[in-house]
Amino acid sequence: MRFIGRIEHFGSLIYDTERKEYIPIDQDGTNIILNVSSNVDLETLYYKYFSHRFSYLNFKSFLQLIQSIEMIDKDYNSNVVFLENSDLEFFLNNKFISAPLKVHIALTYECHLKCRHCFSNSGKKSEEEKNSELSPEKIMEFLDEIKENGVFYVSFGGGEPFLKKEFIEILKKANQNKMNISISTSLSSINAKQIIETMQKENIKIQEFKISVEAVNSKEYTNVRGKNLFENLKNNLQLIINYKKENDTFIRFSFVLNKQNYSFLPNFLSFAEQYSADGLVFYPIYNVGRAQEHPESFLTNQELEKIQRMINNMKERTKIEIEFFNIPLKFGKNGLYNNFGCGCGKTTIYLDPYGNILPSGMFIKYGSKFSLGNIKEKKFKEIWKENVEKELNKIEADPKCNNCMYFEECKGGCMFRSFDKYQKLSYKDPTCTINPL
């Protein structure tokens, strides 16, 4: 079946296995999809269930819409299979989605680089450390498990994911599960060329390459990353461009901004345009991992505001999609959750190489304090159900945010930054400079 659905408190979330995207449907639309068929008279169905909700014209318009995307066929038979969920009532009562939308999977913390800002302290690891990581078989088992729970967006990162043993087999499994796959990579490892060529040969479909570039000349690249592999990056970018010619792939460049490099923003854009990137994403440096050794690199709120203005100007003169992880955030705009704080632990989660599930990768700084559970010890379904009762999903909104015009989409900003600064999840993001109306 092309469409796979999850019943949710707002209606349903339906995944299109061909277009590799989620489609949120409200409760009325969900009830129509569940009840319509070639054996049911449309007028009878409308007047029995929906006439008090909306007009017959709107009813027919919705049917035409879902027919146009083949969610139902011309005879009104549904092409959606809804997953069974024994805990559905629990999630409905708590108004919490039955599974996250996306899982970020750190396959390994092994890395050939040693970046100054690396949040996970990735680098050269001992054999003992690598042997304690999840096996490829366990990762593939996990991919099957989240698929059964309706999770189809996966992001593979690290460390350097290209260095993970049997990485290609892991990608094949995700492809077999018809998942939307993103890979976060430096694209500079010694085996990158081999991996990319194998992807093409094996017809492995990747929806997004998120390439951490960090610098656009050899000197700065070496300063940030510890090795001069800038030529490797540029050569492998050509391979990715060739891969894109045969695949519907989004190329996104990422940069971590700090006090020393943010003035080079226009250069970063020029580099992205030169190498046919579709998107650019900028992250402010976080006080976590190896970055803690370089406090002189941290950005002030005034510098963040200056960066935002620079990026706004860049957006006006390029077709490249540009994002900046800055206040106000956009987490709440999809309406999938009502809690305070960003989407970490609500719509997205992070799986570390050792099996621990965290709200986001940044929370590795606090060890087990924010662990939702370990997939070596519990099934994912059990971990996610227990997550509903965790502290980060029960916090009250910071009163300073309540009257802000951006509150519904920002939800108070980044919970990690709040906790890291104040040791409180319930405080608004400390990088916020917006005065509530």
Protein backbone atom coordinates (compact mmCIF):
# COMPACT_ATOMS: atom_id res chain seq x y z
CA MET A 1 0.00 0.00 0.00
CA ARG A 2 1.37 3.42 -0.97
CA PHE A 3 0.07 5.34 2.06
CA ILE A 4 0.69 4.36 5.71
CA GLY A 5 -1.33 6.13 8.38
CA ARG A 6 -1.12 6.74 12.13
CA ILE A 7 -4.18 7.81 14.10
CA GLU A 8 -3.26 10.82 16.23
CA HIS A 9 -4.96 13.18 18.69
CA PHE A 10 -5.39 15.81 15.94
CA GLY A 11 -6.59 13.32 13.32
CA SER A 12 -3.94 11.32 11.53
CA LEU A 13 -0.48 11.47 10.06
CA ILE A 14 -0.21 9.73 6.71
CA TYR A 15 3.11 8.85 5.09
CA ASP A 16 3.40 8.74 1.30
CA THR A 17 5.94 6.00 0.54
CA GLU A 18 6.48 7.29 -3.00
CA ARG A 19 6.97 10.99 -2.29
CA LYS A 20 8.63 10.19 1.06
CA GLU A 21 6.67 12.76 3.04
CA TYR A 22 4.14 13.00 5.87
CA ILE A 23 0.70 14.44 5.28
CA PRO A 24 -1.15 15.64 8.42
CA ILE A 25 -4.93 15.20 8.20
CA ASP A 26 -7.41 16.69 10.67
CA GLN A 27 -10.08 14.64 12.44
CA ASP A 28 -12.81 15.28 9.86
CA GLY A 29 -10.55 14.32 6.99
CA THR A 30 -9.38 11.22 8.84
CA ASN A 31 -12.98 10.12 9.46
CA ILE A 32 -13.78 10.54 5.77
CA ILE A 33 -10.78 8.40 4.74
CA LEU A 34 -11.73 5.73 7.29
CA ASN A 35 -15.36 5.51 6.16
CA VAL A 36 -15.41 6.16 2.42
CA SER A 37 -15.45 3.24 -0.05
CA SER A 38 -17.06 2.10 -3.29
CA ASN A 39 -19.70 0.31 -1.22
CA VAL A 40 -20.83 3.46 0.59
CA ASP A 41 -23.22 6.03 -0.85
CA LEU A 42 -21.49 9.41 -0.55
CA GLU A 43 -24.59 11.43 0.26
CA THR A 44 -25.64 8.97 2.93
CA LEU A 45 -22.15 9.09 4.44
CA TYR A 46 -22.12 12.88 4.40
CA TYR A 47 -25.54 13.36 6.01
CA LYS A 48 -24.91 10.66 8.60
CA TYR A 49 -21.56 11.91 9.87
CA PHE A 50 -20.54 15.28 8.48
CA SER A 51 -23.50 17.53 7.58
CA HIS A 52 -23.30 19.30 10.95
CA ARG A 53 -19.59 19.95 10.44
CA PHE A 54 -19.24 21.40 6.93
CA SER A 55 -21.02 21.78 3.59
CA TYR A 56 -21.50 19.04 1.03
CA LEU A 57 -19.42 21.11 -1.39
CA ASN A 58 -16.50 21.05 1.04
CA PHE A 59 -17.00 17.31 1.50
CA LYS A 60 -16.77 16.71 -2.25
CA SER A 61 -13.80 19.06 -2.58
CA PHE A 62 -11.86 17.08 0.03
CA LEU A 63 -12.65 13.83 -1.79
CA GLN A 64 -11.36 15.33 -5.03
CA LEU A 65 -8.22 16.49 -3.28
CA ILE A 66 -7.32 13.09 -1.84
CA GLN A 67 -8.22 11.47 -5.16
CA SER A 68 -5.78 13.80 -6.92
CA ILE A 69 -2.92 12.53 -4.76
CA GLU A 70 -4.22 8.92 -5.06
CA MET A 71 -5.00 8.54 -1.36
CA ILE A 72 -8.32 7.12 -2.56
CA ASP A 73 -8.97 5.73 -6.03
CA LYS A 74 -11.58 6.84 -8.58
CA ASP A 75 -14.12 4.48 -6.97
CA TYR A 76 -13.46 6.01 -3.53
CA ASN A 77 -11.61 3.00 -2.15
CA SER A 78 -8.88 3.96 0.29
CA ASN A 79 -5.21 3.44 -0.51
CA VAL A 80 -4.25 4.04 3.12
CA VAL A 81 -3.38 1.28 5.56
CA PHE A 82 -3.60 2.47 9.16
CA LEU A 83 -1.18 0.99 11.66
CA GLU A 84 -2.58 -0.76 14.70
CA ASN A 85 -1.64 0.74 18.06
CA SER A 86 -2.58 -0.99 21.29
CA ASP A 87 -1.66 2.19 23.21
CA LEU A 88 -3.69 4.55 21.04
CA GLU A 89 -6.13 5.56 23.79
CA PHE A 90 -3.21 6.51 26.04
CA PHE A 91 -1.75 8.87 23.43
CA LEU A 92 -5.14 10.34 22.56
CA ASN A 93 -5.90 11.07 26.20
CA ASN A 94 -2.51 12.73 26.68
CA LYS A 95 -2.74 14.61 23.35
CA PHE A 96 0.71 13.36 22.48
CA ILE A 97 1.75 11.92 19.11
CA SER A 98 2.08 8.13 19.09
CA ALA A 99 5.66 8.22 17.77
CA PRO A 100 8.13 10.90 16.74
CA LEU A 101 8.32 12.12 13.15
CA LYS A 102 12.08 11.73 12.86
CA VAL A 103 14.94 9.87 14.50
CA HIS A 104 18.49 11.23 14.32
CA ILE A 105 20.79 8.19 14.48
CA ALA A 106 24.42 8.75 15.45
CA LEU A 107 25.91 5.60 13.97
CA THR A 108 29.35 6.11 15.48
CA TYR A 109 31.48 8.70 17.25
CA GLU A 110 34.47 7.57 15.17
CA CYS A 111 35.69 10.44 13.00
CA HIS A 112 38.79 11.20 10.95
CA LEU A 113 38.51 14.88 11.95
CA LYS A 114 38.74 16.69 15.29
CA CYS A 115 36.55 19.78 14.92
CA ARG A 116 36.87 22.54 17.49
CA HIS A 117 33.10 22.79 17.92
CA CYS A 118 32.11 19.09 17.84
CA PHE A 119 29.23 18.56 20.28
CA SER A 120 29.89 14.81 20.58
CA ASN A 121 33.67 14.92 21.01
CA SER A 122 33.97 12.67 17.98
CA GLY A 123 37.39 11.64 16.74
CA LYS A 124 39.67 8.63 16.72
CA LYS A 125 38.14 5.93 18.93
CA SER A 126 39.69 2.81 20.42
CA GLU A 127 38.60 -0.65 19.33
CA GLU A 128 36.96 -1.09 22.74
CA GLU A 129 34.91 2.09 22.23
CA LYS A 130 33.87 1.07 18.72
CA ASN A 131 32.93 -2.43 19.89
CA SER A 132 30.60 -0.93 22.52
CA GLU A 133 28.58 0.84 19.80
CA LEU A 134 25.39 -0.63 18.40
CA SER A 135 26.03 -3.34 15.84
CA PRO A 136 24.80 -2.83 12.27
CA GLU A 137 22.34 -5.67 12.90
CA LYS A 138 20.88 -3.92 15.96
CA ILE A 139 20.54 -0.66 14.02
CA MET A 140 18.71 -2.43 11.20
CA GLU A 141 16.44 -4.11 13.75
CA PHE A 142 15.71 -0.66 15.19
CA LEU A 143 14.82 0.65 11.71
CA ASP A 144 12.22 -2.11 11.41
CA GLU A 145 10.90 -1.30 14.87
CA ILE A 146 10.38 2.42 14.23
CA LYS A 147 8.80 1.63 10.84
CA GLU A 148 6.23 -0.54 12.64
CA ASN A 149 5.45 2.51 14.80
CA GLY A 150 5.01 4.82 11.80
CA VAL A 151 8.37 6.63 11.92
CA PHE A 152 9.76 7.12 8.41
CA TYR A 153 12.14 10.09 8.63
CA VAL A 154 15.68 9.05 9.59
CA SER A 155 18.89 11.04 9.68
CA PHE A 156 22.21 9.20 9.83
CA GLY A 157 25.13 11.04 11.36
CA GLY A 158 27.97 10.62 13.80
CA GLY A 159 30.89 11.19 14.13
CA GLU A 160 31.36 10.37 10.49
CA PRO A 161 28.64 7.92 9.35
CA PHE A 162 30.69 6.87 6.30
CA LEU A 163 33.11 5.17 8.73
CA LYS A 164 30.41 2.93 10.25
CA LYS A 165 30.88 -0.72 9.45
CA GLU A 166 28.26 -1.93 6.93
CA PHE A 167 26.93 1.58 6.37
CA ILE A 168 25.73 0.60 2.92
CA GLU A 169 23.72 -2.31 4.34
CA ILE A 170 22.10 0.04 6.86
CA LEU A 171 21.13 2.40 4.02
CA LYS A 172 19.71 -0.51 2.03
CA LYS A 173 17.51 -1.47 4.98
CA ALA A 174 16.22 2.12 5.29
CA ASN A 175 15.55 2.13 1.54
CA GLN A 176 13.74 -1.20 1.81
CA ASN A 177 11.58 0.36 4.54
CA LYS A 178 10.76 3.24 2.14
CA MET A 179 12.13 5.79 4.57
CA ASN A 180 13.01 9.43 3.95
CA ILE A 181 16.78 9.34 4.44
CA SER A 182 19.10 12.20 5.34
CA ILE A 183 22.85 11.81 5.79
CA SER A 184 24.94 14.27 7.82
CA THR A 185 28.56 13.98 6.72
CA SER A 186 31.79 15.93 6.36
CA LEU A 187 32.16 14.30 2.94
CA SER A 188 35.92 14.24 3.41
CA SER A 189 36.69 10.74 4.70
CA ILE A 190 39.06 8.52 2.74
CA ASN A 191 36.21 6.15 1.79
CA ALA A 192 33.67 8.83 0.79
CA LYS A 193 34.25 8.33 -2.95
CA GLN A 194 33.72 4.57 -2.60
CA ILE A 195 30.53 5.03 -0.54
CA ILE A 196 28.98 7.50 -3.00
CA GLU A 197 29.82 5.33 -6.01
CA THR A 198 28.31 2.29 -4.26
CA MET A 199 25.12 4.27 -3.54
CA GLN A 200 24.80 4.96 -7.26
CA LYS A 201 25.63 1.40 -8.28
CA GLU A 202 23.19 -0.11 -5.76
CA ASN A 203 20.48 2.48 -6.59
CA ILE A 204 20.28 3.64 -2.97
CA LYS A 205 17.98 6.65 -2.73
CA ILE A 206 18.98 9.47 -0.37
CA GLN A 207 16.55 12.37 0.05
CA GLU A 208 19.07 14.76 1.59
CA PHE A 209 22.81 15.13 1.98
CA LYS A 210 23.58 17.52 4.82
CA ILE A 211 27.24 18.37 4.35
CA SER A 212 29.10 20.08 7.18
CA VAL A 213 31.43 22.42 5.29
CA GLU A 214 32.53 24.77 8.12
CA ALA A 215 35.06 26.73 6.02
CA VAL A 216 35.59 27.67 2.38
CA ASN A 217 39.37 27.75 2.12
CA SER A 218 42.13 25.32 3.09
CA LYS A 219 43.62 27.44 5.88
CA GLU A 220 40.37 27.96 7.78
CA TYR A 221 39.22 24.39 7.10
CA THR A 222 42.39 23.03 8.70
CA ASN A 223 42.05 25.42 11.64
CA VAL A 224 38.48 24.32 12.37
CA ARG A 225 38.74 20.61 11.56
CA GLY A 226 42.27 19.68 12.52
CA LYS A 227 43.20 18.29 9.11
CA ASN A 228 43.61 19.79 5.65
CA LEU A 229 41.08 17.71 3.73
CA PHE A 230 39.51 20.63 1.91
CA GLU A 231 40.44 19.24 -1.52
CA ASN A 232 38.82 15.91 -0.56
CA LEU A 233 35.64 17.80 0.24
CA LYS A 234 35.61 19.68 -3.07
CA ASN A 235 36.29 16.53 -5.10
CA ASN A 236 33.55 14.60 -3.33
CA LEU A 237 31.11 17.47 -3.79
CA GLN A 238 31.41 16.88 -7.53
CA LEU A 239 30.41 13.25 -6.95
CA ILE A 240 27.35 14.35 -4.98
CA ILE A 241 26.40 16.76 -7.78
CA ASN A 242 26.61 13.84 -10.24
CA TYR A 243 24.53 11.68 -7.87
CA LYS A 244 21.90 14.41 -7.78
CA LYS A 245 21.57 14.36 -11.58
CA GLU A 246 20.14 10.84 -11.33
CA ASN A 247 18.25 11.21 -8.05
CA ASP A 248 15.79 13.62 -6.47
CA THR A 249 18.24 14.68 -3.77
CA PHE A 250 18.43 17.87 -1.71
CA ILE A 251 21.97 19.13 -1.05
CA ARG A 252 22.26 21.20 2.12
CA PHE A 253 25.47 22.77 3.41
CA SER A 254 25.81 23.38 7.15
CA PHE A 255 28.09 25.74 9.03
CA VAL A 256 28.59 26.20 12.77
CA LEU A 257 28.94 29.92 13.40
CA ASN A 258 31.27 31.37 16.01
CA LYS A 259 32.79 34.72 16.91
CA GLN A 260 35.68 34.21 14.48
CA ASN A 261 33.84 33.09 11.32
CA TYR A 262 30.42 34.74 11.13
CA SER A 263 31.80 37.68 9.14
CA PHE A 264 32.41 35.19 6.31
CA LEU A 265 28.69 34.53 5.80
CA PRO A 266 28.66 36.00 2.25
CA ASN A 267 31.60 33.71 1.36
CA PHE A 268 29.66 30.71 2.65
CA LEU A 269 26.76 31.62 0.36
CA SER A 270 29.06 32.04 -2.66
CA PHE A 271 30.57 28.60 -2.00
CA ALA A 272 27.10 27.04 -1.76
CA GLU A 273 26.09 28.61 -5.07
CA GLN A 274 29.33 27.45 -6.71
CA TYR A 275 28.63 23.83 -5.76
CA SER A 276 24.89 23.79 -6.58
CA ALA A 277 23.62 23.50 -3.02
CA ASP A 278 19.85 23.67 -2.57
CA GLY A 279 19.99 24.80 1.04
CA LEU A 280 22.17 26.36 3.71
CA VAL A 281 21.74 25.93 7.44
CA PHE A 282 23.63 27.88 10.10
CA TYR A 283 23.93 26.85 13.75
CA PRO A 284 25.38 29.03 16.49
CA ILE A 285 28.15 27.27 18.38
CA TYR A 286 26.87 25.43 21.47
CA ASN A 287 28.57 25.16 24.85
CA VAL A 288 28.88 21.39 24.62
CA GLY A 289 31.47 18.82 23.66
CA ARG A 290 34.79 20.10 22.36
CA ALA A 291 33.42 23.64 22.06
CA GLN A 292 33.66 23.95 25.85
CA GLU A 293 37.43 24.23 25.38
CA HIS A 294 36.93 27.38 23.28
CA PRO A 295 34.73 29.85 25.19
CA GLU A 296 36.31 32.68 23.20
CA SER A 297 34.26 31.43 20.22
CA PHE A 298 30.83 31.82 21.85
CA LEU A 299 28.45 34.37 20.34
CA THR A 300 26.70 37.13 22.26
CA ASN A 301 23.00 37.84 21.75
CA GLN A 302 23.95 41.06 19.97
CA GLU A 303 26.10 39.09 17.55
CA LEU A 304 23.24 36.66 16.95
CA GLU A 305 21.01 39.59 16.05
CA LYS A 306 23.65 40.90 13.66
CA ILE A 307 23.93 37.45 12.05
CA GLN A 308 20.15 37.34 11.62
CA ARG A 309 20.22 40.66 9.77
CA MET A 310 23.05 39.44 7.54
CA ILE A 311 21.13 36.27 6.72
CA ASN A 312 17.95 38.20 5.98
CA ASN A 313 19.93 40.24 3.45
CA MET A 314 21.38 37.08 1.93
CA LYS A 315 17.92 35.57 1.49
CA GLU A 316 16.91 38.52 -0.69
CA ARG A 317 19.63 37.82 -3.27
CA THR A 318 19.67 34.05 -3.63
CA LYS A 319 17.39 31.17 -4.55
CA ILE A 320 19.10 28.94 -2.02
CA GLU A 321 16.95 28.04 0.98
CA ILE A 322 18.62 29.49 4.09
CA GLU A 323 17.90 28.53 7.69
CA PHE A 324 19.35 29.88 10.91
CA PHE A 325 18.74 28.15 14.24
CA ASN A 326 17.82 31.35 16.04
CA ILE A 327 14.90 32.85 17.99
CA PRO A 328 12.05 32.81 17.13
CA LEU A 329 12.18 29.11 16.29
CA LYS A 330 9.52 27.41 14.14
CA PHE A 331 8.97 24.14 16.01
CA GLY A 332 5.36 24.70 17.02
CA LYS A 333 4.02 25.88 13.69
CA ASN A 334 3.04 22.37 12.56
CA GLY A 335 0.54 22.03 15.40
CA LEU A 336 1.67 18.50 16.30
CA TYR A 337 2.20 19.28 19.97
CA ASN A 338 1.03 21.86 22.48
CA ASN A 339 3.73 21.59 25.14
CA PHE A 340 6.23 24.28 26.05
CA GLY A 341 9.69 24.06 24.50
CA CYS A 342 11.13 22.95 21.19
CA GLY A 343 10.26 19.71 19.38
CA CYS A 344 13.08 17.67 20.92
CA GLY A 345 11.60 14.64 22.65
CA LYS A 346 8.21 15.48 21.13
CA THR A 347 8.56 15.25 17.35
CA THR A 348 12.24 14.28 17.08
CA ILE A 349 14.66 12.16 19.08
CA TYR A 350 18.36 11.29 19.00
CA LEU A 351 19.81 7.77 19.20
CA ASP A 352 23.44 7.72 20.29
CA PRO A 353 25.88 5.00 19.14
CA TYR A 354 25.42 3.10 22.42
CA GLY A 355 21.64 2.74 22.24
CA ASN A 356 20.59 5.69 24.42
CA ILE A 357 17.64 7.74 23.23
CA LEU A 358 17.85 11.46 24.07
CA PRO A 359 15.65 14.47 23.23
CA SER A 360 18.52 15.80 21.08
CA GLY A 361 22.22 15.18 20.64
CA MET A 362 23.13 18.24 22.70
CA PHE A 363 21.79 16.54 25.83
CA ILE A 364 24.70 14.08 25.80
CA LYS A 365 26.44 16.77 27.87
CA TYR A 366 24.27 15.72 30.84
CA GLY A 367 24.71 11.98 30.45
CA SER A 368 21.86 9.81 31.68
CA LYS A 369 19.89 12.69 33.24
CA PHE A 370 17.85 13.17 30.06
CA SER A 371 18.01 9.65 28.66
CA LEU A 372 14.58 8.39 27.62
CA GLY A 373 15.80 4.79 27.65
CA ASN A 374 18.15 2.40 25.89
CA ILE A 375 17.11 0.21 22.96
CA LYS A 376 19.39 -2.57 24.22
CA GLU A 377 17.14 -2.83 27.27
CA LYS A 378 13.66 -1.85 26.08
CA LYS A 379 11.58 -1.80 22.94
CA PHE A 380 11.26 1.58 21.29
CA LYS A 381 7.49 1.54 21.69
CA GLU A 382 7.85 1.19 25.47
CA ILE A 383 10.48 3.95 25.65
CA TRP A 384 8.29 6.37 23.70
CA LYS A 385 5.23 5.70 25.86
CA GLU A 386 7.24 6.35 29.02
CA ASN A 387 8.58 9.54 27.45
CA VAL A 388 5.13 11.15 27.67
CA GLU A 389 5.55 11.36 31.45
CA LYS A 390 9.10 12.75 31.35
CA GLU A 391 9.86 16.16 32.82
CA LEU A 392 10.53 17.84 29.46
CA ASN A 393 6.98 17.04 28.35
CA LYS A 394 5.31 18.33 31.51
CA ILE A 395 6.82 21.79 31.94
CA GLU A 396 4.75 24.94 32.23
CA ALA A 397 5.39 27.84 29.85
CA ASP A 398 7.70 30.61 31.01
CA PRO A 399 5.38 33.57 31.81
CA LYS A 400 7.81 35.82 29.91
CA CYS A 401 6.80 33.98 26.71
CA ASN A 402 3.02 33.94 27.12
CA ASN A 403 2.30 37.28 25.49
CA CYS A 404 4.90 37.01 22.75
CA MET A 405 3.52 37.17 19.19
CA TYR A 406 5.81 34.26 18.22
CA PHE A 407 4.90 31.95 21.10
CA GLU A 408 2.70 29.51 19.16
CA GLU A 409 5.49 28.66 16.75
CA CYS A 410 8.57 29.21 18.94
CA LYS A 411 7.26 27.59 22.14
CA GLY A 412 9.98 29.25 24.19
CA GLY A 413 12.91 28.18 22.02
CA CYS A 414 15.67 25.65 22.60
CA MET A 415 15.24 23.66 25.81
CA PHE A 416 18.88 22.61 25.87
CA ARG A 417 20.08 26.22 25.86
CA SER A 418 17.64 27.03 28.68
CA PHE A 419 18.79 24.14 30.82
CA ASP A 420 22.44 24.70 30.05
CA LYS A 421 22.20 28.35 31.12
CA TYR A 422 19.74 28.20 34.02
CA GLN A 423 19.45 24.49 34.89
CA LYS A 424 15.74 24.92 34.15
CA LEU A 425 13.77 23.52 31.20
CA SER A 426 10.91 25.91 31.88
CA TYR A 427 12.84 29.12 31.18
CA LYS A 428 12.76 30.81 27.82
CA ASP A 429 15.74 30.41 25.50
CA PRO A 430 18.55 32.65 26.85
CA THR A 431 19.44 33.77 23.32
CA CYS A 432 16.03 35.43 22.95
CA THR A 433 16.10 39.20 22.62
CA ILE A 434 12.45 39.63 21.64
CA ASN A 435 10.39 41.79 23.99
CA PRO A 436 6.90 40.29 24.38
CA LEU A 437 4.12 42.62 23.26
